[in-house]
Amino acid sequence: MIARDPSVVPAIGDRFIQRRANRRVFQWRFPQSAGVFRLADGNVLNVVWNAPANTSTWEVYRPAGGLVVRKRIARAYRPWALARNGDVLATIVDPETGEVTVVRLALRVT
């Protein structure tokens, strides 16, 4: 474990499985660490996808666990891969239309 911060990713606990009528429904749209990538400089990028709040939190940690930077973005980017040049390949869902867009994001840590 590199880091743990319940204020960014709270434990979902028993809320993951919900009962509706006589069946169980799994709640997948909860704040979760959706992408963890090792960066070229050895640091670790963690992206927390928070669909219900339509936000994402981007964190960079040192390999030993110290937080370098944390930035909350007012869009729920869901990362899928790290490109060779360090860009993040992600998707974003329009909350009004449900339309999914694929994006390539340049990561700049200053």
PDB file of N, CA and C in Angstrom:
ATOM      1  N   MET A   1       0.853  -1.186   0.000  1.00  0.00           N
ATOM      2  CA  MET A   1       0.000   0.000   0.000  1.00  0.00           C
ATOM      3  C   MET A   1       0.890   1.237   0.000  1.00  0.00           C
ATOM      4  N   ILE A   2       0.568   2.139  -0.910  1.00  0.00           N
ATOM      5  CA  ILE A   2       1.307   3.396  -0.987  1.00  0.00           C
ATOM      6  C   ILE A   2       0.621   4.462  -0.139  1.00  0.00           C
ATOM      7  N   ALA A   3      -0.706   4.516  -0.212  1.00  0.00           N
ATOM      8  CA  ALA A   3      -1.442   5.543   0.527  1.00  0.00           C
ATOM      9  C   ALA A   3      -2.880   5.096   0.740  1.00  0.00           C
ATOM     10  N   ARG A   4      -3.507   5.715   1.723  1.00  0.00           N
ATOM     11  CA  ARG A   4      -4.923   5.471   1.997  1.00  0.00           C
ATOM     12  C   ARG A   4      -5.494   6.746   2.598  1.00  0.00           C
ATOM     13  N   ASP A   5      -6.551   7.261   1.975  1.00  0.00           N
ATOM     14  CA  ASP A   5      -7.171   8.485   2.467  1.00  0.00           C
ATOM     15  C   ASP A   5      -8.687   8.345   2.352  1.00  0.00           C
ATOM     16  N   PRO A   6      -9.374   7.990   3.450  1.00  0.00           N
ATOM     17  CA  PRO A   6     -10.826   7.810   3.410  1.00  0.00           C
ATOM     18  C   PRO A   6     -11.607   9.072   3.052  1.00  0.00           C
ATOM     19  N   SER A   7     -10.983  10.249   3.138  1.00  0.00           N
ATOM     20  CA  SER A   7     -11.694  11.470   2.747  1.00  0.00           C
ATOM     21  C   SER A   7     -11.794  11.569   1.219  1.00  0.00           C
ATOM     22  N   VAL A   8     -10.927  10.861   0.486  1.00  0.00           N
ATOM     23  CA  VAL A   8     -10.956  10.873  -0.975  1.00  0.00           C
ATOM     24  C   VAL A   8     -11.720   9.658  -1.498  1.00  0.00           C
ATOM     25  N   VAL A   9     -11.453   8.488  -0.906  1.00  0.00           N
ATOM     26  CA  VAL A   9     -12.130   7.247  -1.304  1.00  0.00           C
ATOM     27  C   VAL A   9     -12.710   6.601  -0.044  1.00  0.00           C
ATOM     28  N   PRO A  10     -13.938   6.966   0.312  1.00  0.00           N
ATOM     29  CA  PRO A  10     -14.546   6.369   1.503  1.00  0.00           C
ATOM     30  C   PRO A  10     -14.916   4.906   1.251  1.00  0.00           C
ATOM     31  N   ALA A  11     -14.865   4.109   2.292  1.00  0.00           N
ATOM     32  CA  ALA A  11     -15.252   2.698   2.179  1.00  0.00           C
ATOM     33  C   ALA A  11     -16.735   2.606   1.842  1.00  0.00           C
ATOM     34  N   ILE A  12     -17.065   1.767   0.866  1.00  0.00           N
ATOM     35  CA  ILE A  12     -18.470   1.633   0.462  1.00  0.00           C
ATOM     36  C   ILE A  12     -19.204   0.635   1.354  1.00  0.00           C
ATOM     37  N   GLY A  13     -18.487  -0.340   1.865  1.00  0.00           N
ATOM     38  CA  GLY A  13     -19.082  -1.308   2.777  1.00  0.00           C
ATOM     39  C   GLY A  13     -20.276  -2.032   2.190  1.00  0.00           C
ATOM     40  N   ASP A  14     -21.316  -2.154   2.972  1.00  0.00           N
ATOM     41  CA  ASP A  14     -22.507  -2.907   2.573  1.00  0.00           C
ATOM     42  C   ASP A  14     -23.372  -2.174   1.557  1.00  0.00           C
ATOM     43  N   ARG A  15     -23.073  -0.933   1.247  1.00  0.00           N
ATOM     44  CA  ARG A  15     -23.872  -0.187   0.266  1.00  0.00           C
ATOM     45  C   ARG A  15     -23.640  -0.675  -1.162  1.00  0.00           C
ATOM     46  N   PHE A  16     -22.594  -1.514  -1.382  1.00  0.00           N
ATOM     47  CA  PHE A  16     -22.321  -2.030  -2.729  1.00  0.00           C
ATOM     48  C   PHE A  16     -23.464  -2.926  -3.205  1.00  0.00           C
ATOM     49  N   ILE A  17     -23.986  -3.733  -2.310  1.00  0.00           N
ATOM     50  CA  ILE A  17     -25.103  -4.619  -2.662  1.00  0.00           C
ATOM     51  C   ILE A  17     -26.382  -4.005  -2.102  1.00  0.00           C
ATOM     52  N   GLN A  18     -27.303  -3.669  -2.994  1.00  0.00           N
ATOM     53  CA  GLN A  18     -28.566  -3.060  -2.578  1.00  0.00           C
ATOM     54  C   GLN A  18     -29.708  -4.005  -2.904  1.00  0.00           C
ATOM     55  N   ARG A  19     -30.740  -3.956  -2.108  1.00  0.00           N
ATOM     56  CA  ARG A  19     -31.927  -4.773  -2.359  1.00  0.00           C
ATOM     57  C   ARG A  19     -32.996  -3.915  -3.016  1.00  0.00           C
ATOM     58  N   ARG A  20     -33.521  -4.432  -4.125  1.00  0.00           N
ATOM     59  CA  ARG A  20     -34.639  -3.782  -4.815  1.00  0.00           C
ATOM     60  C   ARG A  20     -35.654  -4.871  -5.094  1.00  0.00           C
ATOM     61  N   ALA A  21     -36.812  -4.710  -4.487  1.00  0.00           N
ATOM     62  CA  ALA A  21     -37.855  -5.742  -4.560  1.00  0.00           C
ATOM     63  C   ALA A  21     -37.266  -7.032  -3.996  1.00  0.00           C
ATOM     64  N   ASN A  22     -37.286  -8.091  -4.754  1.00  0.00           N
ATOM     65  CA  ASN A  22     -36.761  -9.375  -4.279  1.00  0.00           C
ATOM     66  C   ASN A  22     -35.401  -9.727  -4.865  1.00  0.00           C
ATOM     67  N   ARG A  23     -34.673  -8.754  -5.372  1.00  0.00           N
ATOM     68  CA  ARG A  23     -33.389  -9.070  -5.980  1.00  0.00           C
ATOM     69  C   ARG A  23     -32.288  -8.144  -5.468  1.00  0.00           C
ATOM     70  N   ARG A  24     -31.063  -8.603  -5.634  1.00  0.00           N
ATOM     71  CA  ARG A  24     -29.902  -7.805  -5.254  1.00  0.00           C
ATOM     72  C   ARG A  24     -29.399  -7.057  -6.475  1.00  0.00           C
ATOM     73  N   VAL A  25     -29.011  -5.807  -6.267  1.00  0.00           N
ATOM     74  CA  VAL A  25     -28.466  -4.959  -7.328  1.00  0.00           C
ATOM     75  C   VAL A  25     -27.108  -4.460  -6.849  1.00  0.00           C
ATOM     76  N   PHE A  26     -26.116  -4.546  -7.731  1.00  0.00           N
ATOM     77  CA  PHE A  26     -24.776  -4.095  -7.384  1.00  0.00           C
ATOM     78  C   PHE A  26     -24.600  -2.644  -7.796  1.00  0.00           C
ATOM     79  N   GLN A  27     -24.119  -1.829  -6.882  1.00  0.00           N
ATOM     80  CA  GLN A  27     -23.924  -0.397  -7.094  1.00  0.00           C
ATOM     81  C   GLN A  27     -22.476  -0.167  -7.509  1.00  0.00           C
ATOM     82  N   TRP A  28     -22.226   0.009  -8.818  1.00  0.00           N
ATOM     83  CA  TRP A  28     -20.865   0.193  -9.331  1.00  0.00           C
ATOM     84  C   TRP A  28     -20.434   1.648  -9.370  1.00  0.00           C
ATOM     85  N   ARG A  29     -21.378   2.576  -9.278  1.00  0.00           N
ATOM     86  CA  ARG A  29     -21.044   3.996  -9.395  1.00  0.00           C
ATOM     87  C   ARG A  29     -20.807   4.606  -8.014  1.00  0.00           C
ATOM     88  N   PHE A  30     -19.653   4.300  -7.465  1.00  0.00           N
ATOM     89  CA  PHE A  30     -19.257   4.858  -6.179  1.00  0.00           C
ATOM     90  C   PHE A  30     -17.834   5.390  -6.327  1.00  0.00           C
ATOM     91  N   PRO A  31     -17.381   6.299  -5.465  1.00  0.00           N
ATOM     92  CA  PRO A  31     -16.011   6.799  -5.573  1.00  0.00           C
ATOM     93  C   PRO A  31     -15.020   5.636  -5.472  1.00  0.00           C
ATOM     94  N   GLN A  32     -14.142   5.530  -6.476  1.00  0.00           N
ATOM     95  CA  GLN A  32     -13.186   4.426  -6.495  1.00  0.00           C
ATOM     96  C   GLN A  32     -11.912   4.822  -7.214  1.00  0.00           C
ATOM     97  N   SER A  33     -10.831   4.209  -6.782  1.00  0.00           N
ATOM     98  CA  SER A  33      -9.552   4.398  -7.441  1.00  0.00           C
ATOM     99  C   SER A  33      -9.614   3.625  -8.748  1.00  0.00           C
ATOM    100  N   ALA A  34      -9.820   4.348  -9.865  1.00  0.00           N
ATOM    101  CA  ALA A  34     -10.073   3.708 -11.152  1.00  0.00           C
ATOM    102  C   ALA A  34      -8.825   3.539 -12.000  1.00  0.00           C
ATOM    103  N   GLY A  35      -7.751   4.186 -11.643  1.00  0.00           N
ATOM    104  CA  GLY A  35      -6.518   4.056 -12.405  1.00  0.00           C
ATOM    105  C   GLY A  35      -5.310   4.344 -11.539  1.00  0.00           C
ATOM    106  N   VAL A  36      -4.381   3.397 -11.497  1.00  0.00           N
ATOM    107  CA  VAL A  36      -3.125   3.571 -10.764  1.00  0.00           C
ATOM    108  C   VAL A  36      -2.002   3.243 -11.749  1.00  0.00           C
ATOM    109  N   PHE A  37      -1.140   4.225 -12.012  1.00  0.00           N
ATOM    110  CA  PHE A  37      -0.115   4.077 -13.036  1.00  0.00           C
ATOM    111  C   PHE A  37       1.231   4.547 -12.513  1.00  0.00           C
ATOM    112  N   ARG A  38       2.289   3.810 -12.857  1.00  0.00           N
ATOM    113  CA  ARG A  38       3.646   4.264 -12.537  1.00  0.00           C
ATOM    114  C   ARG A  38       4.081   5.226 -13.634  1.00  0.00           C
ATOM    115  N   LEU A  39       4.518   6.420 -13.219  1.00  0.00           N
ATOM    116  CA  LEU A  39       4.949   7.447 -14.163  1.00  0.00           C
ATOM    117  C   LEU A  39       6.424   7.263 -14.516  1.00  0.00           C
ATOM    118  N   ALA A  40       6.867   7.902 -15.575  1.00  0.00           N
ATOM    119  CA  ALA A  40       8.241   7.768 -16.046  1.00  0.00           C
ATOM    120  C   ALA A  40       9.266   8.155 -14.983  1.00  0.00           C
ATOM    121  N   ASP A  41       8.923   9.101 -14.099  1.00  0.00           N
ATOM    122  CA  ASP A  41       9.856   9.536 -13.052  1.00  0.00           C
ATOM    123  C   ASP A  41       9.845   8.626 -11.827  1.00  0.00           C
ATOM    124  N   GLY A  42       9.048   7.533 -11.878  1.00  0.00           N
ATOM    125  CA  GLY A  42       8.980   6.594 -10.760  1.00  0.00           C
ATOM    126  C   GLY A  42       7.840   6.867  -9.804  1.00  0.00           C
ATOM    127  N   ASN A  43       7.255   8.057  -9.864  1.00  0.00           N
ATOM    128  CA  ASN A  43       6.112   8.361  -9.013  1.00  0.00           C
ATOM    129  C   ASN A  43       4.889   7.581  -9.484  1.00  0.00           C
ATOM    130  N   VAL A  44       3.834   7.602  -8.674  1.00  0.00           N
ATOM    131  CA  VAL A  44       2.622   6.837  -8.964  1.00  0.00           C
ATOM    132  C   VAL A  44       1.441   7.798  -9.089  1.00  0.00           C
ATOM    133  N   LEU A  45       0.711   7.664 -10.198  1.00  0.00           N
ATOM    134  CA  LEU A  45      -0.505   8.442 -10.421  1.00  0.00           C
ATOM    135  C   LEU A  45      -1.703   7.603  -9.990  1.00  0.00           C
ATOM    136  N   ASN A  46      -2.562   8.187  -9.185  1.00  0.00           N
ATOM    137  CA  ASN A  46      -3.816   7.557  -8.772  1.00  0.00           C
ATOM    138  C   ASN A  46      -4.954   8.488  -9.187  1.00  0.00           C
ATOM    139  N   VAL A  47      -5.927   7.951  -9.922  1.00  0.00           N
ATOM    140  CA  VAL A  47      -7.077   8.751 -10.335  1.00  0.00           C
ATOM    141  C   VAL A  47      -8.322   8.165  -9.682  1.00  0.00           C
ATOM    142  N   VAL A  48      -8.989   8.978  -8.890  1.00  0.00           N
ATOM    143  CA  VAL A  48     -10.216   8.562  -8.210  1.00  0.00           C
ATOM    144  C   VAL A  48     -11.396   9.059  -9.029  1.00  0.00           C
ATOM    145  N   TRP A  49     -12.186   8.113  -9.519  1.00  0.00           N
ATOM    146  CA  TRP A  49     -13.373   8.396 -10.330  1.00  0.00           C
ATOM    147  C   TRP A  49     -14.570   8.464  -9.393  1.00  0.00           C
ATOM    148  N   ASN A  50     -15.276   9.602  -9.391  1.00  0.00           N
ATOM    149  CA  ASN A  50     -16.436   9.781  -8.528  1.00  0.00           C
ATOM    150  C   ASN A  50     -17.621  10.172  -9.410  1.00  0.00           C
ATOM    151  N   ALA A  51     -18.259   9.175 -10.015  1.00  0.00           N
ATOM    152  CA  ALA A  51     -19.375   9.411 -10.934  1.00  0.00           C
ATOM    153  C   ALA A  51     -20.556  10.120 -10.273  1.00  0.00           C
ATOM    154  N   PRO A  52     -20.961   9.729  -9.041  1.00  0.00           N
ATOM    155  CA  PRO A  52     -22.122  10.404  -8.441  1.00  0.00           C
ATOM    156  C   PRO A  52     -21.918  11.914  -8.268  1.00  0.00           C
ATOM    157  N   ALA A  53     -20.695  12.337  -7.960  1.00  0.00           N
ATOM    158  CA  ALA A  53     -20.416  13.762  -7.771  1.00  0.00           C
ATOM    159  C   ALA A  53     -19.938  14.433  -9.062  1.00  0.00           C
ATOM    160  N   ASN A  54     -19.769  13.652 -10.143  1.00  0.00           N
ATOM    161  CA  ASN A  54     -19.247  14.126 -11.422  1.00  0.00           C
ATOM    162  C   ASN A  54     -17.901  14.825 -11.239  1.00  0.00           C
ATOM    163  N   THR A  55     -16.998  14.170 -10.479  1.00  0.00           N
ATOM    164  CA  THR A  55     -15.651  14.689 -10.258  1.00  0.00           C
ATOM    165  C   THR A  55     -14.636  13.561 -10.405  1.00  0.00           C
ATOM    166  N   SER A  56     -13.381  13.954 -10.535  1.00  0.00           N
ATOM    167  CA  SER A  56     -12.278  13.007 -10.422  1.00  0.00           C
ATOM    168  C   SER A  56     -11.178  13.702  -9.625  1.00  0.00           C
ATOM    169  N   THR A  57     -10.473  12.925  -8.846  1.00  0.00           N
ATOM    170  CA  THR A  57      -9.373  13.448  -8.052  1.00  0.00           C
ATOM    171  C   THR A  57      -8.093  12.811  -8.566  1.00  0.00           C
ATOM    172  N   TRP A  58      -7.131  13.633  -8.912  1.00  0.00           N
ATOM    173  CA  TRP A  58      -5.860  13.179  -9.471  1.00  0.00           C
ATOM    174  C   TRP A  58      -4.788  13.375  -8.407  1.00  0.00           C
ATOM    175  N   GLU A  59      -4.080  12.299  -8.092  1.00  0.00           N
ATOM    176  CA  GLU A  59      -3.052  12.339  -7.064  1.00  0.00           C
ATOM    177  C   GLU A  59      -1.757  11.759  -7.623  1.00  0.00           C
ATOM    178  N   VAL A  60      -0.637  12.338  -7.220  1.00  0.00           N
ATOM    179  CA  VAL A  60       0.671  11.779  -7.530  1.00  0.00           C
ATOM    180  C   VAL A  60       1.370  11.525  -6.205  1.00  0.00           C
ATOM    181  N   TYR A  61       1.878  10.298  -6.065  1.00  0.00           N
ATOM    182  CA  TYR A  61       2.571   9.875  -4.854  1.00  0.00           C
ATOM    183  C   TYR A  61       4.007   9.476  -5.183  1.00  0.00           C
ATOM    184  N   ARG A  62       4.890   9.682  -4.222  1.00  0.00           N
ATOM    185  CA  ARG A  62       6.239   9.140  -4.326  1.00  0.00           C
ATOM    186  C   ARG A  62       6.146   7.631  -4.092  1.00  0.00           C
ATOM    187  N   PRO A  63       7.099   6.858  -4.597  1.00  0.00           N
ATOM    188  CA  PRO A  63       7.043   5.408  -4.404  1.00  0.00           C
ATOM    189  C   PRO A  63       6.981   4.980  -2.931  1.00  0.00           C
ATOM    190  N   ALA A  64       7.550   5.785  -2.040  1.00  0.00           N
ATOM    191  CA  ALA A  64       7.516   5.472  -0.611  1.00  0.00           C
ATOM    192  C   ALA A  64       6.196   5.881   0.042  1.00  0.00           C
ATOM    193  N   GLY A  65       5.343   6.601  -0.687  1.00  0.00           N
ATOM    194  CA  GLY A  65       4.029   6.917  -0.160  1.00  0.00           C
ATOM    195  C   GLY A  65       3.730   8.364   0.122  1.00  0.00           C
ATOM    196  N   GLY A  66       4.662   9.254  -0.017  1.00  0.00           N
ATOM    197  CA  GLY A  66       4.386  10.666   0.244  1.00  0.00           C
ATOM    198  C   GLY A  66       3.596  11.305  -0.883  1.00  0.00           C
ATOM    199  N   LEU A  67       2.597  12.090  -0.528  1.00  0.00           N
ATOM    200  CA  LEU A  67       1.771  12.785  -1.514  1.00  0.00           C
ATOM    201  C   LEU A  67       2.557  13.946  -2.124  1.00  0.00           C
ATOM    202  N   VAL A  68       2.626  13.984  -3.460  1.00  0.00           N
ATOM    203  CA  VAL A  68       3.284  15.078  -4.170  1.00  0.00           C
ATOM    204  C   VAL A  68       2.269  16.166  -4.476  1.00  0.00           C
ATOM    205  N   VAL A  69       1.134  15.772  -5.047  1.00  0.00           N
ATOM    206  CA  VAL A  69       0.104  16.744  -5.412  1.00  0.00           C
ATOM    207  C   VAL A  69      -1.251  16.030  -5.486  1.00  0.00           C
ATOM    208  N   ARG A  70      -2.317  16.770  -5.165  1.00  0.00           N
ATOM    209  CA  ARG A  70      -3.693  16.274  -5.293  1.00  0.00           C
ATOM    210  C   ARG A  70      -4.511  17.397  -5.921  1.00  0.00           C
ATOM    211  N   LYS A  71      -5.273  17.041  -6.956  1.00  0.00           N
ATOM    212  CA  LYS A  71      -6.114  18.032  -7.642  1.00  0.00           C
ATOM    213  C   LYS A  71      -7.472  17.412  -7.923  1.00  0.00           C
ATOM    214  N   ARG A  72      -8.513  18.086  -7.473  1.00  0.00           N
ATOM    215  CA  ARG A  72      -9.882  17.639  -7.754  1.00  0.00           C
ATOM    216  C   ARG A  72     -10.380  18.377  -8.990  1.00  0.00           C
ATOM    217  N   ILE A  73     -10.917  17.608  -9.952  1.00  0.00           N
ATOM    218  CA  ILE A  73     -11.392  18.147 -11.221  1.00  0.00           C
ATOM    219  C   ILE A  73     -12.911  18.035 -11.257  1.00  0.00           C
ATOM    220  N   ALA A  74     -13.577  19.042 -11.771  1.00  0.00           N
ATOM    221  CA  ALA A  74     -15.043  19.057 -11.820  1.00  0.00           C
ATOM    222  C   ALA A  74     -15.576  18.284 -13.028  1.00  0.00           C
ATOM    223  N   ARG A  75     -14.935  17.185 -13.375  1.00  0.00           N
ATOM    224  CA  ARG A  75     -15.391  16.255 -14.414  1.00  0.00           C
ATOM    225  C   ARG A  75     -14.980  14.857 -13.971  1.00  0.00           C
ATOM    226  N   ALA A  76     -15.849  13.901 -14.193  1.00  0.00           N
ATOM    227  CA  ALA A  76     -15.592  12.529 -13.752  1.00  0.00           C
ATOM    228  C   ALA A  76     -14.833  11.746 -14.828  1.00  0.00           C
ATOM    229  N   TYR A  77     -13.552  12.067 -15.000  1.00  0.00           N
ATOM    230  CA  TYR A  77     -12.718  11.327 -15.941  1.00  0.00           C
ATOM    231  C   TYR A  77     -12.476   9.920 -15.397  1.00  0.00           C
ATOM    232  N   ARG A  78     -12.677   8.917 -16.241  1.00  0.00           N
ATOM    233  CA  ARG A  78     -12.391   7.532 -15.859  1.00  0.00           C
ATOM    234  C   ARG A  78     -11.199   7.061 -16.685  1.00  0.00           C
ATOM    235  N   PRO A  79     -10.026   6.904 -16.045  1.00  0.00           N
ATOM    236  CA  PRO A  79      -8.828   6.547 -16.787  1.00  0.00           C
ATOM    237  C   PRO A  79      -8.814   5.066 -17.163  1.00  0.00           C
ATOM    238  N   TRP A  80      -8.192   4.771 -18.323  1.00  0.00           N
ATOM    239  CA  TRP A  80      -8.087   3.393 -18.790  1.00  0.00           C
ATOM    240  C   TRP A  80      -6.649   2.968 -19.008  1.00  0.00           C
ATOM    241  N   ALA A  81      -5.802   3.883 -19.458  1.00  0.00           N
ATOM    242  CA  ALA A  81      -4.424   3.500 -19.766  1.00  0.00           C
ATOM    243  C   ALA A  81      -3.524   4.728 -19.751  1.00  0.00           C
ATOM    244  N   LEU A  82      -2.242   4.458 -19.613  1.00  0.00           N
ATOM    245  CA  LEU A  82      -1.220   5.491 -19.697  1.00  0.00           C
ATOM    246  C   LEU A  82      -0.504   5.302 -21.034  1.00  0.00           C
ATOM    247  N   ALA A  83      -0.507   6.333 -21.884  1.00  0.00           N
ATOM    248  CA  ALA A  83       0.157   6.256 -23.183  1.00  0.00           C
ATOM    249  C   ALA A  83       1.675   6.306 -22.995  1.00  0.00           C
ATOM    250  N   ARG A  84       2.410   5.912 -24.019  1.00  0.00           N
ATOM    251  CA  ARG A  84       3.878   5.888 -23.939  1.00  0.00           C
ATOM    252  C   ARG A  84       4.470   7.242 -23.604  1.00  0.00           C
ATOM    253  N   ASN A  85       3.830   8.312 -24.069  1.00  0.00           N
ATOM    254  CA  ASN A  85       4.358   9.658 -23.808  1.00  0.00           C
ATOM    255  C   ASN A  85       3.893  10.217 -22.459  1.00  0.00           C
ATOM    256  N   GLY A  86       3.142   9.439 -21.680  1.00  0.00           N
ATOM    257  CA  GLY A  86       2.689   9.883 -20.366  1.00  0.00           C
ATOM    258  C   GLY A  86       1.284  10.450 -20.344  1.00  0.00           C
ATOM    259  N   ASP A  87       0.640  10.607 -21.504  1.00  0.00           N
ATOM    260  CA  ASP A  87      -0.753  11.058 -21.533  1.00  0.00           C
ATOM    261  C   ASP A  87      -1.657   9.979 -20.943  1.00  0.00           C
ATOM    262  N   VAL A  88      -2.785  10.389 -20.410  1.00  0.00           N
ATOM    263  CA  VAL A  88      -3.756   9.463 -19.826  1.00  0.00           C
ATOM    264  C   VAL A  88      -4.925   9.310 -20.799  1.00  0.00           C
ATOM    265  N   LEU A  89      -5.226   8.065 -21.174  1.00  0.00           N
ATOM    266  CA  LEU A  89      -6.382   7.774 -22.010  1.00  0.00           C
ATOM    267  C   LEU A  89      -7.552   7.496 -21.083  1.00  0.00           C
ATOM    268  N   ALA A  90      -8.662   8.211 -21.304  1.00  0.00           N
ATOM    269  CA  ALA A  90      -9.784   8.143 -20.368  1.00  0.00           C
ATOM    270  C   ALA A  90     -11.099   8.300 -21.116  1.00  0.00           C
ATOM    271  N   THR A  91     -12.181   8.078 -20.399  1.00  0.00           N
ATOM    272  CA  THR A  91     -13.514   8.359 -20.915  1.00  0.00           C
ATOM    273  C   THR A  91     -14.215   9.293 -19.948  1.00  0.00           C
ATOM    274  N   ILE A  92     -15.202   9.975 -20.488  1.00  0.00           N
ATOM    275  CA  ILE A  92     -16.040  10.853 -19.683  1.00  0.00           C
ATOM    276  C   ILE A  92     -17.466  10.706 -20.205  1.00  0.00           C
ATOM    277  N   VAL A  93     -18.416  10.682 -19.279  1.00  0.00           N
ATOM    278  CA  VAL A  93     -19.821  10.523 -19.642  1.00  0.00           C
ATOM    279  C   VAL A  93     -20.536  11.841 -19.397  1.00  0.00           C
ATOM    280  N   ASP A  94     -21.257  12.313 -20.401  1.00  0.00           N
ATOM    281  CA  ASP A  94     -22.060  13.521 -20.236  1.00  0.00           C
ATOM    282  C   ASP A  94     -23.196  13.181 -19.278  1.00  0.00           C
ATOM    283  N   PRO A  95     -23.298  13.862 -18.125  1.00  0.00           N
ATOM    284  CA  PRO A  95     -24.322  13.514 -17.137  1.00  0.00           C
ATOM    285  C   PRO A  95     -25.755  13.749 -17.613  1.00  0.00           C
ATOM    286  N   GLU A  96     -25.943  14.613 -18.612  1.00  0.00           N
ATOM    287  CA  GLU A  96     -27.293  14.889 -19.102  1.00  0.00           C
ATOM    288  C   GLU A  96     -27.733  13.945 -20.209  1.00  0.00           C
ATOM    289  N   THR A  97     -26.801  13.608 -21.116  1.00  0.00           N
ATOM    290  CA  THR A  97     -27.173  12.788 -22.269  1.00  0.00           C
ATOM    291  C   THR A  97     -26.732  11.334 -22.166  1.00  0.00           C
ATOM    292  N   GLY A  98     -25.753  11.061 -21.295  1.00  0.00           N
ATOM    293  CA  GLY A  98     -25.213   9.712 -21.195  1.00  0.00           C
ATOM    294  C   GLY A  98     -24.195   9.391 -22.282  1.00  0.00           C
ATOM    295  N   GLU A  99     -23.904  10.351 -23.160  1.00  0.00           N
ATOM    296  CA  GLU A  99     -22.952  10.143 -24.242  1.00  0.00           C
ATOM    297  C   GLU A  99     -21.535   9.995 -23.678  1.00  0.00           C
ATOM    298  N   VAL A 100     -20.814   8.974 -24.177  1.00  0.00           N
ATOM    299  CA  VAL A 100     -19.453   8.700 -23.727  1.00  0.00           C
ATOM    300  C   VAL A 100     -18.467   9.286 -24.731  1.00  0.00           C
ATOM    301  N   THR A 101     -17.455   9.991 -24.222  1.00  0.00           N
ATOM    302  CA  THR A 101     -16.411  10.568 -25.060  1.00  0.00           C
ATOM    303  C   THR A 101     -15.067  10.022 -24.593  1.00  0.00           C
ATOM    304  N   VAL A 102     -14.243   9.623 -25.563  1.00  0.00           N
ATOM    305  CA  VAL A 102     -12.885   9.180 -25.272  1.00  0.00           C
ATOM    306  C   VAL A 102     -11.970  10.403 -25.365  1.00  0.00           C
ATOM    307  N   VAL A 103     -11.087  10.555 -24.371  1.00  0.00           N
ATOM    308  CA  VAL A 103     -10.193  11.709 -24.343  1.00  0.00           C
ATOM    309  C   VAL A 103      -8.766  11.263 -24.087  1.00  0.00           C
ATOM    310  N   ARG A 104      -7.846  12.103 -24.523  1.00  0.00           N
ATOM    311  CA  ARG A 104      -6.420  11.910 -24.234  1.00  0.00           C
ATOM    312  C   ARG A 104      -5.978  13.134 -23.465  1.00  0.00           C
ATOM    313  N   LEU A 105      -5.545  12.944 -22.221  1.00  0.00           N
ATOM    314  CA  LEU A 105      -5.229  14.052 -21.328  1.00  0.00           C
ATOM    315  C   LEU A 105      -3.717  14.139 -21.103  1.00  0.00           C
ATOM    316  N   ALA A 106      -3.169  15.319 -21.273  1.00  0.00           N
ATOM    317  CA  ALA A 106      -1.756  15.547 -20.989  1.00  0.00           C
ATOM    318  C   ALA A 106      -1.616  15.798 -19.495  1.00  0.00           C
ATOM    319  N   LEU A 107      -0.749  15.055 -18.856  1.00  0.00           N
ATOM    320  CA  LEU A 107      -0.517  15.188 -17.411  1.00  0.00           C
ATOM    321  C   LEU A 107       0.695  16.078 -17.183  1.00  0.00           C
ATOM    322  N   ARG A 108       0.487  17.157 -16.459  1.00  0.00           N
ATOM    323  CA  ARG A 108       1.583  18.084 -16.125  1.00  0.00           C
ATOM    324  C   ARG A 108       1.620  18.248 -14.618  1.00  0.00           C
ATOM    325  N   VAL A 109       2.706  17.819 -13.999  1.00  0.00           N
ATOM    326  CA  VAL A 109       2.862  17.963 -12.557  1.00  0.00           C
ATOM    327  C   VAL A 109       3.873  19.079 -12.330  1.00  0.00           C
ATOM    328  N   THR A 110       3.406  20.145 -11.674  1.00  0.00           N
ATOM    329  CA  THR A 110       4.297  21.278 -11.412  1.00  0.00           C
ATOM    330  C   THR A 110       4.446  21.501  -9.929  1.00  0.00           C
TER     331      THR A 110
END
